[in-house]
């Protein structure tokens, strides 16, 4: 016997869904990490690579380009020899920091919960 389809109880999305618009900005792999590390202030490419060792240079370059194109990051060439480039969050990028921080908080609680469950399981064995 087929199950009855339930009516969706969530509010109807706006014609241009704001959730989709926001997620399209931060949905790329490593983008939240880059926002997190730039939240502390401007960073150079090499500093970001050291902050996020698992990211490849190619992917970091692409993320920074995408973020600059989307208005989340500014790229400033410094007049040094050799030239260096600083990346910093724009005002729009800064607006995303509380959302990323909330995700980090939930992740920390989930990690703690998992560790507690593993400890309980180990004690029960």
PDB file of N, CA and C in Angstrom:
ATOM      1  N   UNK A   1       0.850  -1.177   0.000  1.00  0.00           N
ATOM      2  CA  UNK A   1       0.000   0.000   0.000  1.00  0.00           C
ATOM      3  C   UNK A   1       0.895   1.239   0.000  1.00  0.00           C
ATOM      4  N   UNK A   2       0.689   2.150  -0.952  1.00  0.00           N
ATOM      5  CA  UNK A   2       1.537   3.341  -1.013  1.00  0.00           C
ATOM      6  C   UNK A   2       1.262   4.286   0.154  1.00  0.00           C
ATOM      7  N   UNK A   3       2.310   4.966   0.563  1.00  0.00           N
ATOM      8  CA  UNK A   3       2.168   5.937   1.639  1.00  0.00           C
ATOM      9  C   UNK A   3       1.526   7.207   1.116  1.00  0.00           C
ATOM     10  N   UNK A   4       0.711   7.816   1.975  1.00  0.00           N
ATOM     11  CA  UNK A   4       0.064   9.076   1.619  1.00  0.00           C
ATOM     12  C   UNK A   4       1.113  10.193   1.636  1.00  0.00           C
ATOM     13  N   UNK A   5       1.104  11.000   0.620  1.00  0.00           N
ATOM     14  CA  UNK A   5       2.048  12.120   0.550  1.00  0.00           C
ATOM     15  C   UNK A   5       1.579  13.215   1.494  1.00  0.00           C
ATOM     16  N   UNK A   6       2.488  13.629   2.368  1.00  0.00           N
ATOM     17  CA  UNK A   6       2.153  14.671   3.341  1.00  0.00           C
ATOM     18  C   UNK A   6       2.341  16.045   2.732  1.00  0.00           C
ATOM     19  N   UNK A   7       1.548  16.984   3.209  1.00  0.00           N
ATOM     20  CA  UNK A   7       1.656  18.365   2.748  1.00  0.00           C
ATOM     21  C   UNK A   7       2.888  19.010   3.398  1.00  0.00           C
ATOM     22  N   UNK A   8       3.614  19.795   2.621  1.00  0.00           N
ATOM     23  CA  UNK A   8       4.780  20.501   3.135  1.00  0.00           C
ATOM     24  C   UNK A   8       4.312  21.602   4.080  1.00  0.00           C
ATOM     25  N   UNK A   9       4.835  21.599   5.305  1.00  0.00           N
ATOM     26  CA  UNK A   9       4.427  22.564   6.322  1.00  0.00           C
ATOM     27  C   UNK A   9       5.370  23.761   6.428  1.00  0.00           C
ATOM     28  N   UNK A  10       6.481  23.733   5.696  1.00  0.00           N
ATOM     29  CA  UNK A  10       7.427  24.851   5.769  1.00  0.00           C
ATOM     30  C   UNK A  10       6.890  26.035   4.978  1.00  0.00           C
ATOM     31  N   UNK A  11       7.288  27.243   5.357  1.00  0.00           N
ATOM     32  CA  UNK A  11       6.790  28.415   4.640  1.00  0.00           C
ATOM     33  C   UNK A  11       7.223  28.375   3.175  1.00  0.00           C
ATOM     34  N   UNK A  12       6.388  28.909   2.327  1.00  0.00           N
ATOM     35  CA  UNK A  12       6.698  28.939   0.898  1.00  0.00           C
ATOM     36  C   UNK A  12       7.926  29.816   0.674  1.00  0.00           C
ATOM     37  N   UNK A  13       8.848  29.378  -0.198  1.00  0.00           N
ATOM     38  CA  UNK A  13      10.030  30.208  -0.460  1.00  0.00           C
ATOM     39  C   UNK A  13       9.637  31.455  -1.241  1.00  0.00           C
ATOM     40  N   UNK A  14      10.446  32.479  -1.053  1.00  0.00           N
ATOM     41  CA  UNK A  14      10.236  33.698  -1.827  1.00  0.00           C
ATOM     42  C   UNK A  14      10.546  33.403  -3.289  1.00  0.00           C
ATOM     43  N   UNK A  15      10.050  34.244  -4.210  1.00  0.00           N
ATOM     44  CA  UNK A  15      10.305  33.979  -5.630  1.00  0.00           C
ATOM     45  C   UNK A  15      11.779  33.758  -5.954  1.00  0.00           C
ATOM     46  N   UNK A  16      12.650  34.543  -5.367  1.00  0.00           N
ATOM     47  CA  UNK A  16      14.074  34.255  -5.500  1.00  0.00           C
ATOM     48  C   UNK A  16      14.535  33.865  -4.103  1.00  0.00           C
ATOM     49  N   UNK A  17      14.687  32.587  -3.890  1.00  0.00           N
ATOM     50  CA  UNK A  17      14.932  32.029  -2.558  1.00  0.00           C
ATOM     51  C   UNK A  17      16.221  32.574  -1.936  1.00  0.00           C
ATOM     52  N   UNK A  18      16.126  33.258  -0.784  1.00  0.00           N
ATOM     53  CA  UNK A  18      17.324  33.796  -0.137  1.00  0.00           C
ATOM     54  C   UNK A  18      18.261  32.696   0.369  1.00  0.00           C
ATOM     55  N   UNK A  19      17.707  31.557   0.749  1.00  0.00           N
ATOM     56  CA  UNK A  19      18.557  30.458   1.205  1.00  0.00           C
ATOM     57  C   UNK A  19      19.426  29.968   0.054  1.00  0.00           C
ATOM     58  N   UNK A  20      18.841  29.817  -1.110  1.00  0.00           N
ATOM     59  CA  UNK A  20      19.609  29.386  -2.281  1.00  0.00           C
ATOM     60  C   UNK A  20      20.686  30.419  -2.616  1.00  0.00           C
ATOM     61  N   UNK A  21      20.326  31.698  -2.535  1.00  0.00           N
ATOM     62  CA  UNK A  21      21.299  32.762  -2.850  1.00  0.00           C
ATOM     63  C   UNK A  21      22.485  32.707  -1.890  1.00  0.00           C
ATOM     64  N   UNK A  22      22.224  32.512  -0.615  1.00  0.00           N
ATOM     65  CA  UNK A  22      23.302  32.458   0.379  1.00  0.00           C
ATOM     66  C   UNK A  22      24.129  31.193   0.211  1.00  0.00           C
ATOM     67  N   UNK A  23      23.469  30.064   0.020  1.00  0.00           N
ATOM     68  CA  UNK A  23      24.200  28.800  -0.114  1.00  0.00           C
ATOM     69  C   UNK A  23      25.036  28.762  -1.385  1.00  0.00           C
ATOM     70  N   UNK A  24      24.598  29.476  -2.419  1.00  0.00           N
ATOM     71  CA  UNK A  24      25.405  29.505  -3.636  1.00  0.00           C
ATOM     72  C   UNK A  24      26.715  30.268  -3.395  1.00  0.00           C
ATOM     73  N   UNK A  25      26.737  31.157  -2.409  1.00  0.00           N
ATOM     74  CA  UNK A  25      27.968  31.878  -2.066  1.00  0.00           C
ATOM     75  C   UNK A  25      28.932  31.036  -1.238  1.00  0.00           C
ATOM     76  N   UNK A  26      28.398  30.240  -0.322  1.00  0.00           N
ATOM     77  CA  UNK A  26      29.269  29.511   0.605  1.00  0.00           C
ATOM     78  C   UNK A  26      29.287  28.007   0.367  1.00  0.00           C
ATOM     79  N   UNK A  27      28.575  27.545  -0.650  1.00  0.00           N
ATOM     80  CA  UNK A  27      28.422  26.113  -0.852  1.00  0.00           C
ATOM     81  C   UNK A  27      29.617  25.405  -1.448  1.00  0.00           C
ATOM     82  N   UNK A  28      30.570  26.113  -2.014  1.00  0.00           N
ATOM     83  CA  UNK A  28      31.720  25.455  -2.631  1.00  0.00           C
ATOM     84  C   UNK A  28      32.623  24.804  -1.604  1.00  0.00           C
ATOM     85  N   UNK A  29      33.275  23.728  -2.030  1.00  0.00           N
ATOM     86  CA  UNK A  29      34.208  23.053  -1.129  1.00  0.00           C
ATOM     87  C   UNK A  29      35.265  24.037  -0.638  1.00  0.00           C
ATOM     88  N   UNK A  30      35.493  24.056   0.647  1.00  0.00           N
ATOM     89  CA  UNK A  30      36.497  24.860   1.331  1.00  0.00           C
ATOM     90  C   UNK A  30      36.117  26.331   1.502  1.00  0.00           C
ATOM     91  N   UNK A  31      35.042  26.795   0.883  1.00  0.00           N
ATOM     92  CA  UNK A  31      34.678  28.207   1.011  1.00  0.00           C
ATOM     93  C   UNK A  31      34.428  28.606   2.469  1.00  0.00           C
ATOM     94  N   UNK A  32      33.656  27.829   3.244  1.00  0.00           N
ATOM     95  CA  UNK A  32      33.472  28.211   4.658  1.00  0.00           C
ATOM     96  C   UNK A  32      34.792  28.278   5.425  1.00  0.00           C
ATOM     97  N   UNK A  33      35.724  27.384   5.099  1.00  0.00           N
ATOM     98  CA  UNK A  33      37.027  27.397   5.767  1.00  0.00           C
ATOM     99  C   UNK A  33      37.787  28.679   5.454  1.00  0.00           C
ATOM    100  N   UNK A  34      37.755  29.089   4.190  1.00  0.00           N
ATOM    101  CA  UNK A  34      38.449  30.319   3.801  1.00  0.00           C
ATOM    102  C   UNK A  34      37.820  31.511   4.514  1.00  0.00           C
ATOM    103  N   UNK A  35      36.498  31.557   4.564  1.00  0.00           N
ATOM    104  CA  UNK A  35      35.817  32.647   5.285  1.00  0.00           C
ATOM    105  C   UNK A  35      36.247  32.643   6.748  1.00  0.00           C
ATOM    106  N   UNK A  36      36.302  31.464   7.353  1.00  0.00           N
ATOM    107  CA  UNK A  36      36.680  31.343   8.764  1.00  0.00           C
ATOM    108  C   UNK A  36      38.071  31.930   9.013  1.00  0.00           C
ATOM    109  N   UNK A  37      39.028  31.556   8.175  1.00  0.00           N
ATOM    110  CA  UNK A  37      40.396  32.036   8.394  1.00  0.00           C
ATOM    111  C   UNK A  37      40.576  33.504   8.025  1.00  0.00           C
ATOM    112  N   UNK A  38      39.784  34.009   7.104  1.00  0.00           N
ATOM    113  CA  UNK A  38      39.853  35.433   6.781  1.00  0.00           C
ATOM    114  C   UNK A  38      39.107  36.289   7.800  1.00  0.00           C
ATOM    115  N   UNK A  39      38.289  35.661   8.646  1.00  0.00           N
ATOM    116  CA  UNK A  39      37.538  36.435   9.639  1.00  0.00           C
ATOM    117  C   UNK A  39      38.460  37.092  10.659  1.00  0.00           C
ATOM    118  N   UNK A  40      39.668  36.576  10.797  1.00  0.00           N
ATOM    119  CA  UNK A  40      40.633  37.144  11.730  1.00  0.00           C
ATOM    120  C   UNK A  40      41.425  38.306  11.155  1.00  0.00           C
ATOM    121  N   UNK A  41      41.225  38.585   9.881  1.00  0.00           N
ATOM    122  CA  UNK A  41      41.943  39.676   9.239  1.00  0.00           C
ATOM    123  C   UNK A  41      42.549  39.224   7.926  1.00  0.00           C
ATOM    124  N   UNK A  42      43.162  40.152   7.202  1.00  0.00           N
ATOM    125  CA  UNK A  42      43.733  39.824   5.896  1.00  0.00           C
ATOM    126  C   UNK A  42      44.805  38.732   5.993  1.00  0.00           C
ATOM    127  N   UNK A  43      44.844  37.897   4.959  1.00  0.00           N
ATOM    128  CA  UNK A  43      45.822  36.805   4.892  1.00  0.00           C
ATOM    129  C   UNK A  43      46.388  36.747   3.477  1.00  0.00           C
ATOM    130  N   UNK A  44      47.633  36.322   3.386  1.00  0.00           N
ATOM    131  CA  UNK A  44      48.234  36.068   2.081  1.00  0.00           C
ATOM    132  C   UNK A  44      47.925  34.625   1.667  1.00  0.00           C
ATOM    133  N   UNK A  45      48.090  34.358   0.385  1.00  0.00           N
ATOM    134  CA  UNK A  45      47.806  33.030  -0.149  1.00  0.00           C
ATOM    135  C   UNK A  45      48.550  31.949   0.627  1.00  0.00           C
ATOM    136  N   UNK A  46      49.849  32.148   0.834  1.00  0.00           N
ATOM    137  CA  UNK A  46      50.661  31.140   1.532  1.00  0.00           C
ATOM    138  C   UNK A  46      50.177  30.930   2.970  1.00  0.00           C
ATOM    139  N   UNK A  47      49.685  31.993   3.592  1.00  0.00           N
ATOM    140  CA  UNK A  47      49.168  31.859   4.969  1.00  0.00           C
ATOM    141  C   UNK A  47      47.889  31.029   4.978  1.00  0.00           C
ATOM    142  N   UNK A  48      47.031  31.266   3.986  1.00  0.00           N
ATOM    143  CA  UNK A  48      45.802  30.473   3.890  1.00  0.00           C
ATOM    144  C   UNK A  48      46.126  29.009   3.613  1.00  0.00           C
ATOM    145  N   UNK A  49      47.129  28.760   2.773  1.00  0.00           N
ATOM    146  CA  UNK A  49      47.538  27.374   2.490  1.00  0.00           C
ATOM    147  C   UNK A  49      48.030  26.698   3.772  1.00  0.00           C
ATOM    148  N   UNK A  50      48.749  27.443   4.608  1.00  0.00           N
ATOM    149  CA  UNK A  50      49.220  26.883   5.882  1.00  0.00           C
ATOM    150  C   UNK A  50      48.057  26.683   6.853  1.00  0.00           C
ATOM    151  N   UNK A  51      47.061  27.592   6.816  1.00  0.00           N
ATOM    152  CA  UNK A  51      45.884  27.472   7.684  1.00  0.00           C
ATOM    153  C   UNK A  51      45.052  26.238   7.332  1.00  0.00           C
ATOM    154  N   UNK A  52      44.980  25.922   6.040  1.00  0.00           N
ATOM    155  CA  UNK A  52      44.131  24.833   5.545  1.00  0.00           C
ATOM    156  C   UNK A  52      45.021  23.859   4.764  1.00  0.00           C
ATOM    157  N   UNK A  53      45.816  23.056   5.434  1.00  0.00           N
ATOM    158  CA  UNK A  53      46.798  22.226   4.733  1.00  0.00           C
ATOM    159  C   UNK A  53      46.191  21.208   3.762  1.00  0.00           C
ATOM    160  N   UNK A  54      44.947  20.809   3.967  1.00  0.00           N
ATOM    161  CA  UNK A  54      44.348  19.794   3.095  1.00  0.00           C
ATOM    162  C   UNK A  54      43.902  20.352   1.741  1.00  0.00           C
ATOM    163  N   UNK A  55      43.846  21.662   1.588  1.00  0.00           N
ATOM    164  CA  UNK A  55      43.389  22.258   0.335  1.00  0.00           C
ATOM    165  C   UNK A  55      44.575  22.375  -0.630  1.00  0.00           C
ATOM    166  N   UNK A  56      44.308  22.079  -1.901  1.00  0.00           N
ATOM    167  CA  UNK A  56      45.377  22.218  -2.897  1.00  0.00           C
ATOM    168  C   UNK A  56      45.484  23.682  -3.325  1.00  0.00           C
ATOM    169  N   UNK A  57      46.629  24.043  -3.856  1.00  0.00           N
ATOM    170  CA  UNK A  57      46.835  25.413  -4.325  1.00  0.00           C
ATOM    171  C   UNK A  57      45.842  25.750  -5.435  1.00  0.00           C
ATOM    172  N   UNK A  58      45.575  24.792  -6.292  1.00  0.00           N
ATOM    173  CA  UNK A  58      44.637  25.003  -7.403  1.00  0.00           C
ATOM    174  C   UNK A  58      43.228  25.308  -6.882  1.00  0.00           C
ATOM    175  N   UNK A  59      42.776  24.529  -5.927  1.00  0.00           N
ATOM    176  CA  UNK A  59      41.426  24.730  -5.379  1.00  0.00           C
ATOM    177  C   UNK A  59      41.363  26.044  -4.605  1.00  0.00           C
ATOM    178  N   UNK A  60      42.381  26.351  -3.816  1.00  0.00           N
ATOM    179  CA  UNK A  60      42.383  27.610  -3.075  1.00  0.00           C
ATOM    180  C   UNK A  60      42.346  28.792  -4.034  1.00  0.00           C
ATOM    181  N   UNK A  61      43.117  28.727  -5.100  1.00  0.00           N
ATOM    182  CA  UNK A  61      43.107  29.795  -6.101  1.00  0.00           C
ATOM    183  C   UNK A  61      41.708  29.973  -6.672  1.00  0.00           C
ATOM    184  N   UNK A  62      41.060  28.864  -7.012  1.00  0.00           N
ATOM    185  CA  UNK A  62      39.715  28.942  -7.593  1.00  0.00           C
ATOM    186  C   UNK A  62      38.707  29.484  -6.585  1.00  0.00           C
ATOM    187  N   UNK A  63      38.791  29.039  -5.332  1.00  0.00           N
ATOM    188  CA  UNK A  63      37.862  29.529  -4.311  1.00  0.00           C
ATOM    189  C   UNK A  63      38.032  31.035  -4.115  1.00  0.00           C
ATOM    190  N   UNK A  64      39.273  31.490  -4.031  1.00  0.00           N
ATOM    191  CA  UNK A  64      39.507  32.925  -3.831  1.00  0.00           C
ATOM    192  C   UNK A  64      38.992  33.730  -5.028  1.00  0.00           C
ATOM    193  N   UNK A  65      39.187  33.218  -6.229  1.00  0.00           N
ATOM    194  CA  UNK A  65      38.657  33.907  -7.424  1.00  0.00           C
ATOM    195  C   UNK A  65      37.140  33.968  -7.390  1.00  0.00           C
ATOM    196  N   UNK A  66      36.510  32.829  -7.065  1.00  0.00           N
ATOM    197  CA  UNK A  66      35.043  32.789  -6.981  1.00  0.00           C
ATOM    198  C   UNK A  66      34.532  33.753  -5.921  1.00  0.00           C
ATOM    199  N   UNK A  67      35.192  33.754  -4.765  1.00  0.00           N
ATOM    200  CA  UNK A  67      34.760  34.606  -3.664  1.00  0.00           C
ATOM    201  C   UNK A  67      34.939  36.085  -4.019  1.00  0.00           C
ATOM    202  N   UNK A  68      36.001  36.400  -4.746  1.00  0.00           N
ATOM    203  CA  UNK A  68      36.209  37.781  -5.185  1.00  0.00           C
ATOM    204  C   UNK A  68      35.120  38.179  -6.180  1.00  0.00           C
ATOM    205  N   UNK A  69      34.823  37.279  -7.105  1.00  0.00           N
ATOM    206  CA  UNK A  69      33.790  37.535  -8.107  1.00  0.00           C
ATOM    207  C   UNK A  69      32.411  37.716  -7.468  1.00  0.00           C
ATOM    208  N   UNK A  70      32.157  36.990  -6.381  1.00  0.00           N
ATOM    209  CA  UNK A  70      30.873  37.077  -5.680  1.00  0.00           C
ATOM    210  C   UNK A  70      30.818  38.197  -4.654  1.00  0.00           C
ATOM    211  N   UNK A  71      31.895  38.951  -4.514  1.00  0.00           N
ATOM    212  CA  UNK A  71      31.896  40.090  -3.606  1.00  0.00           C
ATOM    213  C   UNK A  71      32.144  39.756  -2.155  1.00  0.00           C
ATOM    214  N   UNK A  72      32.704  38.578  -1.883  1.00  0.00           N
ATOM    215  CA  UNK A  72      32.974  38.182  -0.501  1.00  0.00           C
ATOM    216  C   UNK A  72      34.379  38.564  -0.050  1.00  0.00           C
ATOM    217  N   UNK A  73      35.300  38.682  -1.016  1.00  0.00           N
ATOM    218  CA  UNK A  73      36.708  38.878  -0.715  1.00  0.00           C
ATOM    219  C   UNK A  73      37.265  39.996  -1.595  1.00  0.00           C
ATOM    220  N   UNK A  74      38.170  40.765  -1.010  1.00  0.00           N
ATOM    221  CA  UNK A  74      38.931  41.717  -1.812  1.00  0.00           C
ATOM    222  C   UNK A  74      40.348  41.189  -1.958  1.00  0.00           C
ATOM    223  N   UNK A  75      40.933  41.504  -3.082  1.00  0.00           N
ATOM    224  CA  UNK A  75      42.307  41.096  -3.383  1.00  0.00           C
ATOM    225  C   UNK A  75      43.125  42.365  -3.559  1.00  0.00           C
ATOM    226  N   UNK A  76      44.138  42.543  -2.713  1.00  0.00           N
ATOM    227  CA  UNK A  76      44.954  43.747  -2.750  1.00  0.00           C
ATOM    228  C   UNK A  76      46.407  43.367  -3.021  1.00  0.00           C
ATOM    229  N   UNK A  77      46.935  43.867  -4.129  1.00  0.00           N
ATOM    230  CA  UNK A  77      48.345  43.625  -4.453  1.00  0.00           C
ATOM    231  C   UNK A  77      49.167  44.627  -3.656  1.00  0.00           C
ATOM    232  N   UNK A  78      50.095  44.116  -2.865  1.00  0.00           N
ATOM    233  CA  UNK A  78      50.930  44.959  -2.011  1.00  0.00           C
ATOM    234  C   UNK A  78      52.182  45.379  -2.784  1.00  0.00           C
ATOM    235  N   UNK A  79      52.610  46.611  -2.614  1.00  0.00           N
ATOM    236  CA  UNK A  79      53.790  47.095  -3.347  1.00  0.00           C
ATOM    237  C   UNK A  79      55.102  46.657  -2.691  1.00  0.00           C
ATOM    238  N   UNK A  80      55.302  45.360  -2.664  1.00  0.00           N
ATOM    239  CA  UNK A  80      56.521  44.809  -2.080  1.00  0.00           C
ATOM    240  C   UNK A  80      57.361  44.185  -3.192  1.00  0.00           C
ATOM    241  N   UNK A  81      58.558  43.798  -2.853  1.00  0.00           N
ATOM    242  CA  UNK A  81      59.408  43.126  -3.825  1.00  0.00           C
ATOM    243  C   UNK A  81      59.838  41.790  -3.232  1.00  0.00           C
ATOM    244  N   UNK A  82      59.395  40.677  -3.748  1.00  0.00           N
ATOM    245  CA  UNK A  82      58.449  40.521  -4.842  1.00  0.00           C
ATOM    246  C   UNK A  82      57.041  40.909  -4.396  1.00  0.00           C
ATOM    247  N   UNK A  83      56.157  41.187  -5.361  1.00  0.00           N
ATOM    248  CA  UNK A  83      54.791  41.588  -4.998  1.00  0.00           C
ATOM    249  C   UNK A  83      54.082  40.493  -4.200  1.00  0.00           C
ATOM    250  N   UNK A  84      53.284  40.901  -3.255  1.00  0.00           N
ATOM    251  CA  UNK A  84      52.465  39.951  -2.501  1.00  0.00           C
ATOM    252  C   UNK A  84      51.015  40.420  -2.579  1.00  0.00           C
ATOM    253  N   UNK A  85      50.121  39.502  -2.283  1.00  0.00           N
ATOM    254  CA  UNK A  85      48.693  39.786  -2.386  1.00  0.00           C
ATOM    255  C   UNK A  85      48.034  39.470  -1.057  1.00  0.00           C
ATOM    256  N   UNK A  86      47.242  40.407  -0.567  1.00  0.00           N
ATOM    257  CA  UNK A  86      46.448  40.193   0.637  1.00  0.00           C
ATOM    258  C   UNK A  86      45.003  39.940   0.238  1.00  0.00           C
ATOM    259  N   UNK A  87      44.377  38.995   0.925  1.00  0.00           N
ATOM    260  CA  UNK A  87      42.958  38.720   0.747  1.00  0.00           C
ATOM    261  C   UNK A  87      42.258  39.094   2.040  1.00  0.00           C
ATOM    262  N   UNK A  88      41.107  39.742   1.913  1.00  0.00           N
ATOM    263  CA  UNK A  88      40.347  40.158   3.095  1.00  0.00           C
ATOM    264  C   UNK A  88      38.869  40.019   2.791  1.00  0.00           C
ATOM    265  N   UNK A  89      38.087  39.811   3.837  1.00  0.00           N
ATOM    266  CA  UNK A  89      36.637  39.742   3.673  1.00  0.00           C
ATOM    267  C   UNK A  89      36.067  41.130   3.422  1.00  0.00           C
ATOM    268  N   UNK A  90      35.094  41.202   2.543  1.00  0.00           N
ATOM    269  CA  UNK A  90      34.338  42.435   2.343  1.00  0.00           C
ATOM    270  C   UNK A  90      33.271  42.510   3.435  1.00  0.00           C
ATOM    271  N   UNK A  91      32.492  43.572   3.426  1.00  0.00           N
ATOM    272  CA  UNK A  91      31.386  43.666   4.391  1.00  0.00           C
ATOM    273  C   UNK A  91      30.422  42.493   4.227  1.00  0.00           C
ATOM    274  N   UNK A  92      30.146  42.111   2.970  1.00  0.00           N
ATOM    275  CA  UNK A  92      29.271  40.964   2.719  1.00  0.00           C
ATOM    276  C   UNK A  92      29.900  39.686   3.270  1.00  0.00           C
ATOM    277  N   UNK A  93      31.180  39.506   3.057  1.00  0.00           N
ATOM    278  CA  UNK A  93      31.873  38.341   3.604  1.00  0.00           C
ATOM    279  C   UNK A  93      31.816  38.312   5.122  1.00  0.00           C
ATOM    280  N   UNK A  94      31.974  39.483   5.751  1.00  0.00           N
ATOM    281  CA  UNK A  94      31.901  39.574   7.221  1.00  0.00           C
ATOM    282  C   UNK A  94      30.513  39.194   7.728  1.00  0.00           C
ATOM    283  N   UNK A  95      29.481  39.492   6.934  1.00  0.00           N
ATOM    284  CA  UNK A  95      28.114  39.134   7.356  1.00  0.00           C
ATOM    285  C   UNK A  95      27.926  37.626   7.456  1.00  0.00           C
ATOM    286  N   UNK A  96      28.729  36.855   6.741  1.00  0.00           N
ATOM    287  CA  UNK A  96      28.616  35.395   6.777  1.00  0.00           C
ATOM    288  C   UNK A  96      29.330  34.775   7.965  1.00  0.00           C
ATOM    289  N   UNK A  97      30.210  35.507   8.622  1.00  0.00           N
ATOM    290  CA  UNK A  97      31.009  34.958   9.721  1.00  0.00           C
ATOM    291  C   UNK A  97      30.135  34.416  10.860  1.00  0.00           C
ATOM    292  N   UNK A  98      29.083  35.119  11.312  1.00  0.00           N
ATOM    293  CA  UNK A  98      28.260  34.529  12.382  1.00  0.00           C
ATOM    294  C   UNK A  98      27.609  33.207  11.976  1.00  0.00           C
ATOM    295  N   UNK A  99      27.209  33.084  10.723  1.00  0.00           N
ATOM    296  CA  UNK A  99      26.612  31.827  10.253  1.00  0.00           C
ATOM    297  C   UNK A  99      27.650  30.711  10.267  1.00  0.00           C
ATOM    298  N   UNK A 100      28.861  31.008   9.812  1.00  0.00           N
ATOM    299  CA  UNK A 100      29.938  30.009   9.826  1.00  0.00           C
ATOM    300  C   UNK A 100      30.286  29.649  11.270  1.00  0.00           C
ATOM    301  N   UNK A 101      30.320  30.643  12.145  1.00  0.00           N
ATOM    302  CA  UNK A 101      30.612  30.386  13.568  1.00  0.00           C
ATOM    303  C   UNK A 101      29.541  29.492  14.187  1.00  0.00           C
ATOM    304  N   UNK A 102      28.283  29.692  13.820  1.00  0.00           N
ATOM    305  CA  UNK A 102      27.200  28.851  14.335  1.00  0.00           C
ATOM    306  C   UNK A 102      27.379  27.406  13.854  1.00  0.00           C
ATOM    307  N   UNK A 103      27.780  27.237  12.606  1.00  0.00           N
ATOM    308  CA  UNK A 103      28.033  25.900  12.072  1.00  0.00           C
ATOM    309  C   UNK A 103      29.201  25.250  12.813  1.00  0.00           C
ATOM    310  N   UNK A 104      30.230  26.020  13.105  1.00  0.00           N
ATOM    311  CA  UNK A 104      31.387  25.507  13.860  1.00  0.00           C
ATOM    312  C   UNK A 104      30.938  25.064  15.252  1.00  0.00           C
ATOM    313  N   UNK A 105      30.085  25.847  15.897  1.00  0.00           N
ATOM    314  CA  UNK A 105      29.593  25.488  17.232  1.00  0.00           C
ATOM    315  C   UNK A 105      28.814  24.170  17.199  1.00  0.00           C
ATOM    316  N   UNK A 106      27.943  24.018  16.214  1.00  0.00           N
ATOM    317  CA  UNK A 106      27.180  22.772  16.090  1.00  0.00           C
ATOM    318  C   UNK A 106      28.134  21.611  15.828  1.00  0.00           C
ATOM    319  N   UNK A 107      29.107  21.818  14.949  1.00  0.00           N
ATOM    320  CA  UNK A 107      30.085  20.769  14.658  1.00  0.00           C
ATOM    321  C   UNK A 107      30.863  20.347  15.897  1.00  0.00           C
ATOM    322  N   UNK A 108      31.236  21.313  16.726  1.00  0.00           N
ATOM    323  CA  UNK A 108      31.965  20.997  17.965  1.00  0.00           C
ATOM    324  C   UNK A 108      31.093  20.174  18.909  1.00  0.00           C
ATOM    325  N   UNK A 109      29.819  20.549  19.018  1.00  0.00           N
ATOM    326  CA  UNK A 109      28.911  19.777  19.877  1.00  0.00           C
ATOM    327  C   UNK A 109      28.699  18.368  19.329  1.00  0.00           C
ATOM    328  N   UNK A 110      28.571  18.228  18.011  1.00  0.00           N
ATOM    329  CA  UNK A 110      28.411  16.903  17.413  1.00  0.00           C
ATOM    330  C   UNK A 110      29.650  16.042  17.654  1.00  0.00           C
ATOM    331  N   UNK A 111      30.812  16.653  17.521  1.00  0.00           N
ATOM    332  CA  UNK A 111      32.062  15.928  17.747  1.00  0.00           C
ATOM    333  C   UNK A 111      32.158  15.478  19.209  1.00  0.00           C
ATOM    334  N   UNK A 112      31.781  16.363  20.122  1.00  0.00           N
ATOM    335  CA  UNK A 112      31.810  16.029  21.548  1.00  0.00           C
ATOM    336  C   UNK A 112      30.806  14.912  21.846  1.00  0.00           C
ATOM    337  N   UNK A 113      29.638  15.002  21.240  1.00  0.00           N
ATOM    338  CA  UNK A 113      28.605  13.982  21.446  1.00  0.00           C
ATOM    339  C   UNK A 113      29.089  12.626  20.940  1.00  0.00           C
ATOM    340  N   UNK A 114      29.723  12.610  19.781  1.00  0.00           N
ATOM    341  CA  UNK A 114      30.244  11.364  19.220  1.00  0.00           C
ATOM    342  C   UNK A 114      31.311  10.774  20.137  1.00  0.00           C
ATOM    343  N   UNK A 115      32.202  11.624  20.654  1.00  0.00           N
ATOM    344  CA  UNK A 115      33.248  11.147  21.563  1.00  0.00           C
ATOM    345  C   UNK A 115      32.636  10.571  22.835  1.00  0.00           C
ATOM    346  N   UNK A 116      31.595  11.207  23.344  1.00  0.00           N
ATOM    347  CA  UNK A 116      30.920  10.702  24.548  1.00  0.00           C
ATOM    348  C   UNK A 116      30.281   9.344  24.288  1.00  0.00           C
ATOM    349  N   UNK A 117      29.644   9.208  23.128  1.00  0.00           N
ATOM    350  CA  UNK A 117      29.005   7.934  22.774  1.00  0.00           C
ATOM    351  C   UNK A 117      30.052   6.828  22.617  1.00  0.00           C
ATOM    352  N   UNK A 118      31.184   7.162  22.011  1.00  0.00           N
ATOM    353  CA  UNK A 118      32.251   6.172  21.839  1.00  0.00           C
ATOM    354  C   UNK A 118      32.819   5.760  23.198  1.00  0.00           C
ATOM    355  N   UNK A 119      32.945   6.723  24.104  1.00  0.00           N
ATOM    356  CA  UNK A 119      33.454   6.409  25.441  1.00  0.00           C
ATOM    357  C   UNK A 119      32.477   5.506  26.187  1.00  0.00           C
ATOM    358  N   UNK A 120      31.182   5.782  26.062  1.00  0.00           N
ATOM    359  CA  UNK A 120      30.165   4.933  26.699  1.00  0.00           C
ATOM    360  C   UNK A 120      30.195   3.525  26.114  1.00  0.00           C
ATOM    361  N   UNK A 121      30.314   3.430  24.814  1.00  0.00           N
ATOM    362  CA  UNK A 121      30.360   2.112  24.170  1.00  0.00           C
ATOM    363  C   UNK A 121      31.611   1.337  24.590  1.00  0.00           C
ATOM    364  N   UNK A 122      32.728   2.036  24.698  1.00  0.00           N
ATOM    365  CA  UNK A 122      33.977   1.367  25.112  1.00  0.00           C
ATOM    366  C   UNK A 122      33.874   0.895  26.557  1.00  0.00           C
ATOM    367  N   UNK A 123      33.224   1.693  27.420  1.00  0.00           N
ATOM    368  CA  UNK A 123      33.074   1.310  28.823  1.00  0.00           C
ATOM    369  C   UNK A 123      32.126   0.125  28.975  1.00  0.00           C
ATOM    370  N   UNK A 124      31.152   0.023  28.075  1.00  0.00           N
ATOM    371  CA  UNK A 124      30.171  -1.055  28.168  1.00  0.00           C
ATOM    372  C   UNK A 124      30.755  -2.385  27.690  1.00  0.00           C
ATOM    373  N   UNK A 125      31.831  -2.331  26.931  1.00  0.00           N
ATOM    374  CA  UNK A 125      32.422  -3.572  26.400  1.00  0.00           C
ATOM    375  C   UNK A 125      33.265  -4.288  27.385  1.00  0.00           C
TER     376      UNK A 125
END
